[in-house]
Amino acid sequence: MPSHAHVPRSTSLRREIAALAARMMAEDGISDFGFAKRKAARQLGATDADALPNNTEIEAELRAWQALYQDEEQPERLREMRSAAVQVMRLLEDFRPYLTGGALDGTAGRYSELEIEVFPESTKDIEIFFLNQNFPYEHREPRRPAPYTPEAILSFDWEDVPVKLSVYPSAAERNVRRGQERARLAQVEALLAAPDAPTEGPR
């Protein structure tokens, strides 16, 4: 007898993990795709590494979730975050800032952090700059071990936008992580100046 077509368990589980990871990113403000997928996998009892979705699959689920549940507020929040990014990047222009994460690729939501990477000659230069500006910030320990680990993570609020500033050594500027998108100030200004453009960032 011919077998009935069915969705393999691994494929079904992969979709479930992607959907749950996307919901966590949208509702809980998780910005790390890897962390979200591992947490989702644990909650669903997945032990097969083959069941883990890739970032593109999670991003597709995240965009679908936002279109369904945040169709009005998400574009407004995204524009607000990109506007904050331009201001922060102008302030930190001497430290070679790049925008990355959800505010760039268009998936940022209500609880997302604005993710900016800088590449100063010395990490101390950034902290001295903030101290001289009397600018409050918190020092967060980078999660280790991990590839491309920043030397420091500084967090602060820019108006009502939470900012995560990852500080890398200047020599690391030419190292772009696989699959990572990042943009200099001029590119973010161009995104912000195009109100009718799609919410997705540069590809």
N, C-alpha and C. Protein backbone atom coordinates (compact mmCIF):
# COMPACT_ATOMS: atom_id res chain seq x y z
N MET A 1 0.85 -1.20 0.00
CA MET A 1 0.00 0.00 0.00
C MET A 1 0.88 1.25 0.00
N PRO A 2 0.47 2.26 -0.76
CA PRO A 2 1.26 3.49 -0.76
C PRO A 2 1.15 4.18 0.59
N SER A 3 2.26 4.73 1.03
CA SER A 3 2.24 5.43 2.32
C SER A 3 1.62 6.80 2.15
N HIS A 4 0.96 7.27 3.19
CA HIS A 4 0.35 8.59 3.17
C HIS A 4 1.44 9.64 3.34
N ALA A 5 1.29 10.74 2.59
CA ALA A 5 2.25 11.85 2.74
C ALA A 5 2.08 12.45 4.13
N HIS A 6 3.16 12.73 4.74
CA HIS A 6 3.09 13.34 6.06
C HIS A 6 4.31 14.22 6.27
N VAL A 7 4.19 15.15 7.22
CA VAL A 7 5.31 16.03 7.55
C VAL A 7 6.19 15.30 8.55
N PRO A 8 7.47 15.10 8.26
CA PRO A 8 8.35 14.42 9.21
C PRO A 8 8.35 15.13 10.55
N ARG A 9 8.51 14.33 11.61
CA ARG A 9 8.50 14.89 12.96
C ARG A 9 9.57 15.98 13.11
N SER A 10 10.76 15.76 12.51
CA SER A 10 11.84 16.74 12.66
C SER A 10 11.47 18.06 12.01
N THR A 11 10.77 17.99 10.84
CA THR A 11 10.36 19.22 10.16
C THR A 11 9.30 19.95 10.96
N SER A 12 8.34 19.20 11.49
CA SER A 12 7.29 19.80 12.31
C SER A 12 7.87 20.45 13.56
N LEU A 13 8.79 19.74 14.21
CA LEU A 13 9.41 20.27 15.42
C LEU A 13 10.23 21.51 15.10
N ARG A 14 10.90 21.49 13.98
CA ARG A 14 11.71 22.64 13.55
C ARG A 14 10.84 23.89 13.43
N ARG A 15 9.66 23.71 12.83
CA ARG A 15 8.73 24.83 12.67
C ARG A 15 8.22 25.31 14.03
N GLU A 16 7.93 24.37 14.91
CA GLU A 16 7.46 24.73 16.25
C GLU A 16 8.52 25.54 17.00
N ILE A 17 9.76 25.11 16.90
CA ILE A 17 10.86 25.82 17.57
C ILE A 17 11.02 27.22 16.99
N ALA A 18 10.96 27.33 15.67
CA ALA A 18 11.09 28.64 15.01
C ALA A 18 9.98 29.58 15.46
N ALA A 19 8.75 29.06 15.52
CA ALA A 19 7.61 29.90 15.91
C ALA A 19 7.72 30.34 17.36
N LEU A 20 8.12 29.42 18.25
CA LEU A 20 8.25 29.78 19.66
C LEU A 20 9.40 30.75 19.87
N ALA A 21 10.52 30.52 19.19
CA ALA A 21 11.66 31.43 19.31
C ALA A 21 11.28 32.84 18.83
N ALA A 22 10.52 32.90 17.73
CA ALA A 22 10.08 34.20 17.21
C ALA A 22 9.17 34.91 18.22
N ARG A 23 8.27 34.16 18.85
CA ARG A 23 7.38 34.77 19.83
C ARG A 23 8.16 35.29 21.03
N MET A 24 9.16 34.53 21.46
CA MET A 24 10.01 34.98 22.57
C MET A 24 10.73 36.29 22.20
N MET A 25 11.22 36.36 20.98
CA MET A 25 11.94 37.55 20.55
C MET A 25 11.00 38.75 20.50
N ALA A 26 9.77 38.52 20.06
CA ALA A 26 8.80 39.61 19.95
C ALA A 26 8.26 40.05 21.30
N GLU A 27 7.96 39.08 22.17
CA GLU A 27 7.29 39.40 23.43
C GLU A 27 8.26 39.68 24.58
N ASP A 28 9.41 39.01 24.56
CA ASP A 28 10.34 39.12 25.69
C ASP A 28 11.56 39.98 25.39
N GLY A 29 11.67 40.46 24.17
CA GLY A 29 12.79 41.33 23.83
C GLY A 29 14.11 40.61 23.65
N ILE A 30 14.07 39.28 23.46
CA ILE A 30 15.32 38.55 23.21
C ILE A 30 15.83 38.93 21.82
N SER A 31 17.10 39.30 21.74
CA SER A 31 17.63 39.74 20.45
C SER A 31 18.59 38.71 19.83
N ASP A 32 19.01 37.76 20.61
CA ASP A 32 19.98 36.76 20.16
C ASP A 32 19.24 35.55 19.57
N PHE A 33 19.37 35.35 18.27
CA PHE A 33 18.67 34.24 17.62
C PHE A 33 19.07 32.90 18.22
N GLY A 34 20.37 32.72 18.46
CA GLY A 34 20.86 31.47 19.00
C GLY A 34 20.27 31.17 20.38
N PHE A 35 20.25 32.19 21.24
CA PHE A 35 19.70 32.01 22.58
C PHE A 35 18.21 31.69 22.50
N ALA A 36 17.48 32.41 21.63
CA ALA A 36 16.04 32.19 21.50
C ALA A 36 15.73 30.77 21.02
N LYS A 37 16.48 30.29 20.02
CA LYS A 37 16.19 28.95 19.48
C LYS A 37 16.55 27.85 20.49
N ARG A 38 17.65 28.06 21.25
CA ARG A 38 18.01 27.04 22.26
C ARG A 38 16.98 27.00 23.39
N LYS A 39 16.51 28.18 23.79
CA LYS A 39 15.51 28.24 24.85
C LYS A 39 14.20 27.60 24.39
N ALA A 40 13.81 27.91 23.15
CA ALA A 40 12.59 27.32 22.59
C ALA A 40 12.72 25.81 22.48
N ALA A 41 13.89 25.36 22.04
CA ALA A 41 14.11 23.91 21.91
C ALA A 41 13.99 23.21 23.26
N ARG A 42 14.56 23.81 24.30
CA ARG A 42 14.46 23.22 25.64
C ARG A 42 13.01 23.13 26.09
N GLN A 43 12.26 24.19 25.86
CA GLN A 43 10.86 24.20 26.30
C GLN A 43 10.03 23.13 25.57
N LEU A 44 10.40 22.86 24.32
CA LEU A 44 9.66 21.88 23.54
C LEU A 44 10.25 20.47 23.65
N GLY A 45 11.30 20.34 24.47
CA GLY A 45 11.90 19.03 24.70
C GLY A 45 12.68 18.49 23.53
N ALA A 46 13.19 19.37 22.66
CA ALA A 46 13.94 18.92 21.49
C ALA A 46 15.36 18.57 21.89
N THR A 47 15.81 17.42 21.43
CA THR A 47 17.18 16.99 21.71
C THR A 47 17.98 16.79 20.43
N ASP A 48 17.28 16.74 19.30
CA ASP A 48 17.93 16.50 18.01
C ASP A 48 18.43 17.84 17.45
N ALA A 49 19.73 17.96 17.26
CA ALA A 49 20.29 19.22 16.75
C ALA A 49 19.75 19.54 15.36
N ASP A 50 19.37 18.50 14.60
CA ASP A 50 18.84 18.73 13.25
C ASP A 50 17.50 19.46 13.29
N ALA A 51 16.85 19.45 14.44
CA ALA A 51 15.53 20.10 14.55
C ALA A 51 15.65 21.60 14.74
N LEU A 52 16.86 22.09 15.01
CA LEU A 52 17.01 23.52 15.26
C LEU A 52 16.89 24.31 13.96
N PRO A 53 16.00 25.30 13.93
CA PRO A 53 15.85 26.12 12.72
C PRO A 53 17.03 27.07 12.57
N ASN A 54 17.25 27.56 11.37
CA ASN A 54 18.29 28.56 11.19
C ASN A 54 17.70 29.96 11.41
N ASN A 55 18.56 30.96 11.41
CA ASN A 55 18.12 32.32 11.71
C ASN A 55 17.10 32.83 10.69
N THR A 56 17.27 32.44 9.44
CA THR A 56 16.34 32.90 8.40
C THR A 56 14.94 32.38 8.65
N GLU A 57 14.82 31.14 9.12
CA GLU A 57 13.51 30.56 9.42
C GLU A 57 12.86 31.28 10.59
N ILE A 58 13.65 31.59 11.61
CA ILE A 58 13.11 32.30 12.77
C ILE A 58 12.71 33.72 12.38
N GLU A 59 13.53 34.36 11.56
CA GLU A 59 13.21 35.73 11.13
C GLU A 59 11.90 35.76 10.35
N ALA A 60 11.67 34.77 9.51
CA ALA A 60 10.42 34.70 8.75
C ALA A 60 9.22 34.56 9.70
N GLU A 61 9.36 33.72 10.72
CA GLU A 61 8.29 33.56 11.71
C GLU A 61 8.09 34.85 12.51
N LEU A 62 9.19 35.55 12.81
CA LEU A 62 9.11 36.79 13.56
C LEU A 62 8.37 37.86 12.77
N ARG A 63 8.68 37.96 11.48
CA ARG A 63 7.99 38.95 10.64
C ARG A 63 6.50 38.62 10.53
N ALA A 64 6.19 37.33 10.43
CA ALA A 64 4.78 36.91 10.34
C ALA A 64 4.05 37.24 11.64
N TRP A 65 4.72 36.99 12.78
CA TRP A 65 4.12 37.27 14.09
C TRP A 65 3.86 38.77 14.23
N GLN A 66 4.84 39.58 13.86
CA GLN A 66 4.68 41.03 13.98
C GLN A 66 3.59 41.55 13.05
N ALA A 67 3.49 40.99 11.86
CA ALA A 67 2.46 41.43 10.92
C ALA A 67 1.07 41.11 11.47
N LEU A 68 0.98 40.02 12.23
CA LEU A 68 -0.31 39.60 12.77
C LEU A 68 -0.68 40.34 14.05
N TYR A 69 0.29 40.54 14.94
CA TYR A 69 -0.02 41.08 16.27
C TYR A 69 0.48 42.51 16.51
N GLN A 70 1.41 42.98 15.69
CA GLN A 70 1.97 44.31 15.93
C GLN A 70 1.96 45.13 14.63
N ASP A 71 0.93 44.92 13.81
CA ASP A 71 0.94 45.52 12.48
C ASP A 71 0.95 47.04 12.50
N GLU A 72 0.41 47.67 13.56
CA GLU A 72 0.39 49.12 13.61
C GLU A 72 1.57 49.68 14.39
N GLU A 73 1.87 49.08 15.53
CA GLU A 73 2.89 49.66 16.40
C GLU A 73 4.32 49.34 15.96
N GLN A 74 4.52 48.20 15.28
CA GLN A 74 5.89 47.79 14.97
C GLN A 74 6.61 48.74 14.02
N PRO A 75 5.99 49.18 12.92
CA PRO A 75 6.69 50.14 12.04
C PRO A 75 7.02 51.45 12.75
N GLU A 76 6.11 51.90 13.62
CA GLU A 76 6.36 53.14 14.37
C GLU A 76 7.53 52.96 15.34
N ARG A 77 7.56 51.83 16.02
CA ARG A 77 8.66 51.56 16.96
C ARG A 77 9.98 51.42 16.20
N LEU A 78 9.93 50.78 15.05
CA LEU A 78 11.14 50.61 14.24
C LEU A 78 11.70 51.97 13.82
N ARG A 79 10.83 52.86 13.39
CA ARG A 79 11.28 54.20 12.99
C ARG A 79 11.87 54.95 14.19
N GLU A 80 11.22 54.81 15.34
CA GLU A 80 11.71 55.45 16.57
C GLU A 80 13.11 54.93 16.92
N MET A 81 13.32 53.63 16.78
CA MET A 81 14.61 53.04 17.10
C MET A 81 15.69 53.48 16.11
N ARG A 82 15.34 53.55 14.84
CA ARG A 82 16.32 54.00 13.85
C ARG A 82 16.68 55.47 14.05
N SER A 83 15.70 56.26 14.46
CA SER A 83 15.98 57.67 14.76
C SER A 83 16.94 57.78 15.94
N ALA A 84 16.71 56.96 16.97
CA ALA A 84 17.61 56.94 18.13
C ALA A 84 19.00 56.47 17.70
N ALA A 85 19.05 55.49 16.80
CA ALA A 85 20.33 54.98 16.33
C ALA A 85 21.14 56.08 15.66
N VAL A 86 20.50 56.88 14.84
CA VAL A 86 21.19 57.98 14.17
C VAL A 86 21.78 58.95 15.20
N GLN A 87 21.02 59.27 16.21
CA GLN A 87 21.49 60.20 17.24
C GLN A 87 22.66 59.63 18.02
N VAL A 88 22.54 58.36 18.42
CA VAL A 88 23.62 57.73 19.18
C VAL A 88 24.88 57.58 18.32
N MET A 89 24.70 57.21 17.06
CA MET A 89 25.85 57.02 16.18
C MET A 89 26.55 58.34 15.88
N ARG A 90 25.78 59.42 15.81
CA ARG A 90 26.41 60.73 15.63
C ARG A 90 27.23 61.09 16.86
N LEU A 91 26.68 60.79 18.04
CA LEU A 91 27.39 61.08 19.29
C LEU A 91 28.71 60.29 19.36
N LEU A 92 28.67 59.05 18.87
CA LEU A 92 29.83 58.15 18.99
C LEU A 92 30.60 58.01 17.67
N GLU A 93 30.46 58.98 16.79
CA GLU A 93 31.03 58.85 15.45
C GLU A 93 32.53 58.61 15.46
N ASP A 94 33.24 59.16 16.43
CA ASP A 94 34.70 58.98 16.50
C ASP A 94 35.11 57.54 16.79
N PHE A 95 34.14 56.73 17.25
CA PHE A 95 34.46 55.35 17.64
C PHE A 95 33.98 54.33 16.60
N ARG A 96 33.69 54.80 15.39
CA ARG A 96 33.32 53.96 14.27
C ARG A 96 32.13 53.04 14.60
N PRO A 97 30.95 53.64 14.81
CA PRO A 97 29.77 52.84 15.17
C PRO A 97 29.10 52.19 13.96
N TYR A 98 28.53 51.03 14.21
CA TYR A 98 27.71 50.31 13.23
C TYR A 98 26.39 49.93 13.90
N LEU A 99 25.29 50.05 13.16
CA LEU A 99 24.02 49.54 13.63
C LEU A 99 23.88 48.10 13.17
N THR A 100 23.37 47.24 14.03
CA THR A 100 23.11 45.85 13.67
C THR A 100 21.82 45.41 14.35
N GLY A 101 21.46 44.15 14.21
CA GLY A 101 20.29 43.63 14.92
C GLY A 101 18.96 44.04 14.31
N GLY A 102 17.92 43.94 15.13
CA GLY A 102 16.55 44.12 14.65
C GLY A 102 16.21 45.50 14.13
N ALA A 103 16.84 46.54 14.66
CA ALA A 103 16.55 47.88 14.17
C ALA A 103 17.05 48.07 12.75
N LEU A 104 18.04 47.29 12.36
CA LEU A 104 18.56 47.36 11.00
C LEU A 104 17.77 46.45 10.05
N ASP A 105 17.55 45.19 10.47
CA ASP A 105 16.91 44.25 9.54
C ASP A 105 15.39 44.35 9.53
N GLY A 106 14.82 45.20 10.41
CA GLY A 106 13.38 45.44 10.38
C GLY A 106 12.56 44.56 11.29
N THR A 107 13.20 43.75 12.13
CA THR A 107 12.45 42.85 13.02
C THR A 107 12.32 43.37 14.44
N ALA A 108 12.86 44.56 14.72
CA ALA A 108 12.78 45.10 16.09
C ALA A 108 11.33 45.34 16.48
N GLY A 109 11.04 45.04 17.74
CA GLY A 109 9.68 45.22 18.24
C GLY A 109 9.65 46.01 19.53
N ARG A 110 8.56 45.85 20.24
CA ARG A 110 8.27 46.65 21.43
C ARG A 110 9.38 46.60 22.47
N TYR A 111 9.97 45.44 22.71
CA TYR A 111 10.94 45.30 23.79
C TYR A 111 12.38 45.12 23.31
N SER A 112 12.62 45.34 22.05
CA SER A 112 13.96 45.11 21.51
C SER A 112 14.95 46.19 21.95
N GLU A 113 16.20 45.75 22.10
CA GLU A 113 17.28 46.69 22.34
C GLU A 113 17.82 47.21 21.02
N LEU A 114 18.28 48.44 21.04
CA LEU A 114 19.00 49.00 19.90
C LEU A 114 20.43 48.49 19.99
N GLU A 115 20.88 47.76 18.98
CA GLU A 115 22.20 47.12 19.02
C GLU A 115 23.19 47.89 18.15
N ILE A 116 24.21 48.43 18.81
CA ILE A 116 25.24 49.20 18.12
C ILE A 116 26.60 48.63 18.49
N GLU A 117 27.47 48.49 17.50
CA GLU A 117 28.83 48.03 17.73
C GLU A 117 29.79 49.19 17.46
N VAL A 118 30.80 49.32 18.31
CA VAL A 118 31.83 50.35 18.12
C VAL A 118 33.21 49.69 18.16
N PHE A 119 34.17 50.38 17.53
CA PHE A 119 35.52 49.83 17.39
C PHE A 119 36.57 50.89 17.74
N PRO A 120 36.63 51.28 19.03
CA PRO A 120 37.58 52.31 19.45
C PRO A 120 39.01 51.77 19.52
N GLU A 121 39.96 52.67 19.62
CA GLU A 121 41.35 52.25 19.82
C GLU A 121 41.51 51.54 21.16
N SER A 122 40.72 51.96 22.14
CA SER A 122 40.75 51.34 23.47
C SER A 122 39.35 51.38 24.07
N THR A 123 38.98 50.29 24.75
CA THR A 123 37.68 50.27 25.43
C THR A 123 37.56 51.41 26.42
N LYS A 124 38.67 51.75 27.06
CA LYS A 124 38.66 52.83 28.04
C LYS A 124 38.27 54.16 27.42
N ASP A 125 38.57 54.32 26.12
CA ASP A 125 38.23 55.58 25.44
C ASP A 125 36.73 55.86 25.49
N ILE A 126 35.95 54.80 25.28
CA ILE A 126 34.48 54.94 25.32
C ILE A 126 34.02 55.31 26.72
N GLU A 127 34.54 54.60 27.73
CA GLU A 127 34.09 54.85 29.09
C GLU A 127 34.52 56.24 29.55
N ILE A 128 35.71 56.66 29.17
CA ILE A 128 36.17 58.02 29.52
C ILE A 128 35.27 59.06 28.85
N PHE A 129 34.90 58.78 27.59
CA PHE A 129 34.02 59.70 26.87
C PHE A 129 32.69 59.85 27.60
N PHE A 130 32.10 58.72 28.02
CA PHE A 130 30.83 58.78 28.74
C PHE A 130 30.98 59.51 30.07
N LEU A 131 32.06 59.25 30.78
CA LEU A 131 32.27 59.92 32.06
C LEU A 131 32.43 61.43 31.88
N ASN A 132 33.16 61.82 30.83
CA ASN A 132 33.35 63.25 30.57
C ASN A 132 32.04 63.93 30.17
N GLN A 133 31.14 63.15 29.55
CA GLN A 133 29.84 63.68 29.15
C GLN A 133 28.82 63.59 30.30
N ASN A 134 29.27 63.02 31.43
CA ASN A 134 28.36 62.77 32.56
C ASN A 134 27.14 61.96 32.11
N PHE A 135 27.44 60.93 31.29
CA PHE A 135 26.40 60.13 30.66
C PHE A 135 26.29 58.79 31.40
N PRO A 136 25.15 58.51 32.03
CA PRO A 136 25.02 57.27 32.81
C PRO A 136 24.91 56.03 31.93
N TYR A 137 25.58 54.96 32.36
CA TYR A 137 25.51 53.70 31.65
C TYR A 137 25.79 52.57 32.62
N GLU A 138 25.46 51.36 32.20
CA GLU A 138 25.76 50.17 33.00
C GLU A 138 26.73 49.29 32.23
N HIS A 139 27.63 48.66 32.95
CA HIS A 139 28.62 47.77 32.36
C HIS A 139 28.11 46.35 32.49
N ARG A 140 27.96 45.65 31.36
CA ARG A 140 27.49 44.26 31.37
C ARG A 140 28.61 43.35 30.91
N GLU A 141 28.71 42.20 31.55
CA GLU A 141 29.73 41.24 31.17
C GLU A 141 29.32 40.51 29.90
N PRO A 142 30.19 40.46 28.90
CA PRO A 142 29.87 39.69 27.69
C PRO A 142 29.70 38.22 28.03
N ARG A 143 28.82 37.55 27.28
CA ARG A 143 28.60 36.13 27.50
C ARG A 143 29.74 35.36 26.86
N ARG A 144 30.45 34.58 27.66
CA ARG A 144 31.60 33.82 27.16
C ARG A 144 31.37 32.33 27.46
N PRO A 145 32.03 31.44 26.71
CA PRO A 145 32.83 31.72 25.52
C PRO A 145 31.92 31.88 24.30
N ALA A 146 32.32 32.71 23.39
CA ALA A 146 31.56 32.91 22.17
C ALA A 146 32.47 33.52 21.12
N PRO A 147 32.23 33.17 19.86
CA PRO A 147 33.05 33.81 18.82
C PRO A 147 32.73 35.28 18.73
N TYR A 148 33.71 36.07 18.39
CA TYR A 148 33.52 37.51 18.24
C TYR A 148 32.98 38.15 19.52
N THR A 149 33.49 37.73 20.65
CA THR A 149 33.04 38.28 21.93
C THR A 149 33.54 39.72 22.08
N PRO A 150 32.65 40.66 22.39
CA PRO A 150 33.11 42.04 22.61
C PRO A 150 33.95 42.15 23.87
N GLU A 151 34.77 43.18 23.93
CA GLU A 151 35.57 43.40 25.13
C GLU A 151 34.70 43.92 26.27
N ALA A 152 33.64 44.61 25.93
CA ALA A 152 32.72 45.13 26.94
C ALA A 152 31.36 45.37 26.31
N ILE A 153 30.33 45.34 27.14
CA ILE A 153 28.99 45.71 26.70
C ILE A 153 28.50 46.79 27.64
N LEU A 154 28.14 47.93 27.08
CA LEU A 154 27.61 49.04 27.87
C LEU A 154 26.14 49.21 27.50
N SER A 155 25.31 49.37 28.50
CA SER A 155 23.88 49.56 28.23
C SER A 155 23.41 50.86 28.83
N PHE A 156 22.50 51.51 28.12
CA PHE A 156 21.93 52.77 28.60
C PHE A 156 20.62 53.01 27.86
N ASP A 157 19.87 53.99 28.31
CA ASP A 157 18.62 54.35 27.65
C ASP A 157 18.82 55.65 26.89
N TRP A 158 18.33 55.66 25.66
CA TRP A 158 18.33 56.89 24.87
C TRP A 158 16.86 57.29 24.74
N GLU A 159 16.46 58.24 25.56
CA GLU A 159 15.04 58.54 25.74
C GLU A 159 14.37 57.24 26.19
N ASP A 160 13.42 56.69 25.44
CA ASP A 160 12.80 55.44 25.92
C ASP A 160 13.24 54.23 25.11
N VAL A 161 14.40 54.34 24.48
CA VAL A 161 14.94 53.23 23.70
C VAL A 161 16.14 52.63 24.43
N PRO A 162 16.06 51.35 24.82
CA PRO A 162 17.22 50.72 25.47
C PRO A 162 18.31 50.43 24.44
N VAL A 163 19.55 50.76 24.80
CA VAL A 163 20.66 50.62 23.87
C VAL A 163 21.67 49.62 24.43
N LYS A 164 22.10 48.71 23.58
CA LYS A 164 23.17 47.77 23.91
C LYS A 164 24.37 48.12 23.03
N LEU A 165 25.43 48.61 23.67
CA LEU A 165 26.62 49.04 22.94
C LEU A 165 27.72 47.99 23.13
N SER A 166 28.04 47.28 22.08
CA SER A 166 29.09 46.26 22.13
C SER A 166 30.40 46.88 21.68
N VAL A 167 31.41 46.80 22.55
CA VAL A 167 32.70 47.45 22.30
C VAL A 167 33.72 46.40 21.89
N TYR A 168 34.23 46.52 20.66
CA TYR A 168 35.21 45.59 20.12
C TYR A 168 36.56 46.30 19.92
N PRO A 169 37.65 45.56 19.89
CA PRO A 169 38.93 46.19 19.56
C PRO A 169 38.90 46.71 18.12
N SER A 170 39.64 47.76 17.86
CA SER A 170 39.60 48.39 16.54
C SER A 170 39.97 47.41 15.43
N ALA A 171 40.87 46.46 15.71
CA ALA A 171 41.31 45.51 14.69
C ALA A 171 40.20 44.56 14.26
N ALA A 172 39.15 44.45 15.07
CA ALA A 172 38.06 43.52 14.76
C ALA A 172 37.04 44.11 13.79
N GLU A 173 37.21 45.37 13.43
CA GLU A 173 36.21 46.02 12.58
C GLU A 173 36.03 45.31 11.24
N ARG A 174 37.09 44.76 10.71
CA ARG A 174 37.00 44.11 9.39
C ARG A 174 36.41 42.70 9.48
N ASN A 175 36.20 42.20 10.69
CA ASN A 175 35.64 40.85 10.85
C ASN A 175 34.12 40.92 10.94
N VAL A 176 33.44 40.57 9.89
CA VAL A 176 31.98 40.56 9.89
C VAL A 176 31.51 39.13 10.10
N ARG A 177 30.68 38.92 11.12
CA ARG A 177 30.20 37.57 11.41
C ARG A 177 29.34 37.05 10.26
N ARG A 178 29.41 35.76 10.06
CA ARG A 178 28.64 35.12 8.99
C ARG A 178 27.15 35.40 9.17
N GLY A 179 26.51 35.91 8.13
CA GLY A 179 25.08 36.20 8.18
C GLY A 179 24.74 37.52 8.84
N GLN A 180 25.75 38.24 9.35
CA GLN A 180 25.48 39.49 10.05
C GLN A 180 25.29 40.64 9.07
N GLU A 181 24.33 41.48 9.38
CA GLU A 181 24.17 42.74 8.65
C GLU A 181 24.58 43.86 9.60
N ARG A 182 25.26 44.84 9.07
CA ARG A 182 25.58 46.02 9.87
C ARG A 182 25.67 47.22 8.94
N ALA A 183 25.42 48.39 9.48
CA ALA A 183 25.36 49.60 8.65
C ALA A 183 26.02 50.76 9.35
N ARG A 184 26.73 51.57 8.55
CA ARG A 184 27.32 52.79 9.06
C ARG A 184 26.25 53.88 9.15
N LEU A 185 26.62 55.01 9.73
CA LEU A 185 25.68 56.10 9.98
C LEU A 185 24.96 56.54 8.70
N ALA A 186 25.69 56.74 7.61
CA ALA A 186 25.07 57.23 6.38
C ALA A 186 23.98 56.29 5.88
N GLN A 187 24.19 54.97 6.04
CA GLN A 187 23.20 54.00 5.60
C GLN A 187 21.94 54.06 6.47
N VAL A 188 22.13 54.27 7.77
CA VAL A 188 20.97 54.36 8.67
C VAL A 188 20.21 55.65 8.41
N GLU A 189 20.92 56.72 8.15
CA GLU A 189 20.25 57.99 7.81
C GLU A 189 19.43 57.82 6.54
N ALA A 190 19.96 57.07 5.57
CA ALA A 190 19.23 56.84 4.33
C ALA A 190 17.96 56.02 4.58
N LEU A 191 18.05 55.01 5.46
CA LEU A 191 16.87 54.22 5.81
C LEU A 191 15.80 55.11 6.44
N LEU A 192 16.25 55.98 7.32
CA LEU A 192 15.32 56.85 8.06
C LEU A 192 14.69 57.89 7.14
N ALA A 193 15.43 58.29 6.11
CA ALA A 193 14.93 59.34 5.21
C ALA A 193 13.99 58.80 4.14
N ALA A 194 13.75 57.50 4.13
CA ALA A 194 12.89 56.90 3.12
C ALA A 194 11.64 56.35 3.79
N PRO A 195 10.65 57.21 4.10
CA PRO A 195 9.48 56.77 4.86
C PRO A 195 8.62 55.72 4.16
N ASP A 196 8.71 55.68 2.82
CA ASP A 196 7.89 54.71 2.10
C ASP A 196 8.63 53.43 1.77
N ALA A 197 9.90 53.37 2.24
CA ALA A 197 10.70 52.17 1.96
C ALA A 197 10.23 51.01 2.82
N PRO A 198 10.53 49.79 2.41
CA PRO A 198 10.17 48.63 3.23
C PRO A 198 10.87 48.72 4.58
N THR A 199 10.30 48.05 5.59
CA THR A 199 10.90 48.09 6.91
C THR A 199 12.17 47.25 6.99
N GLU A 200 12.38 46.36 6.03
CA GLU A 200 13.59 45.54 6.08
C GLU A 200 14.81 46.39 5.82
N GLY A 201 15.91 45.99 6.45
CA GLY A 201 17.16 46.70 6.26
C GLY A 201 17.83 46.28 4.97
N PRO A 202 19.05 46.76 4.74
CA PRO A 202 19.77 46.42 3.51
C PRO A 202 20.07 44.93 3.44
N ARG A 203 20.05 44.40 2.25
CA ARG A 203 20.35 42.97 2.07
C ARG A 203 21.65 42.82 1.32
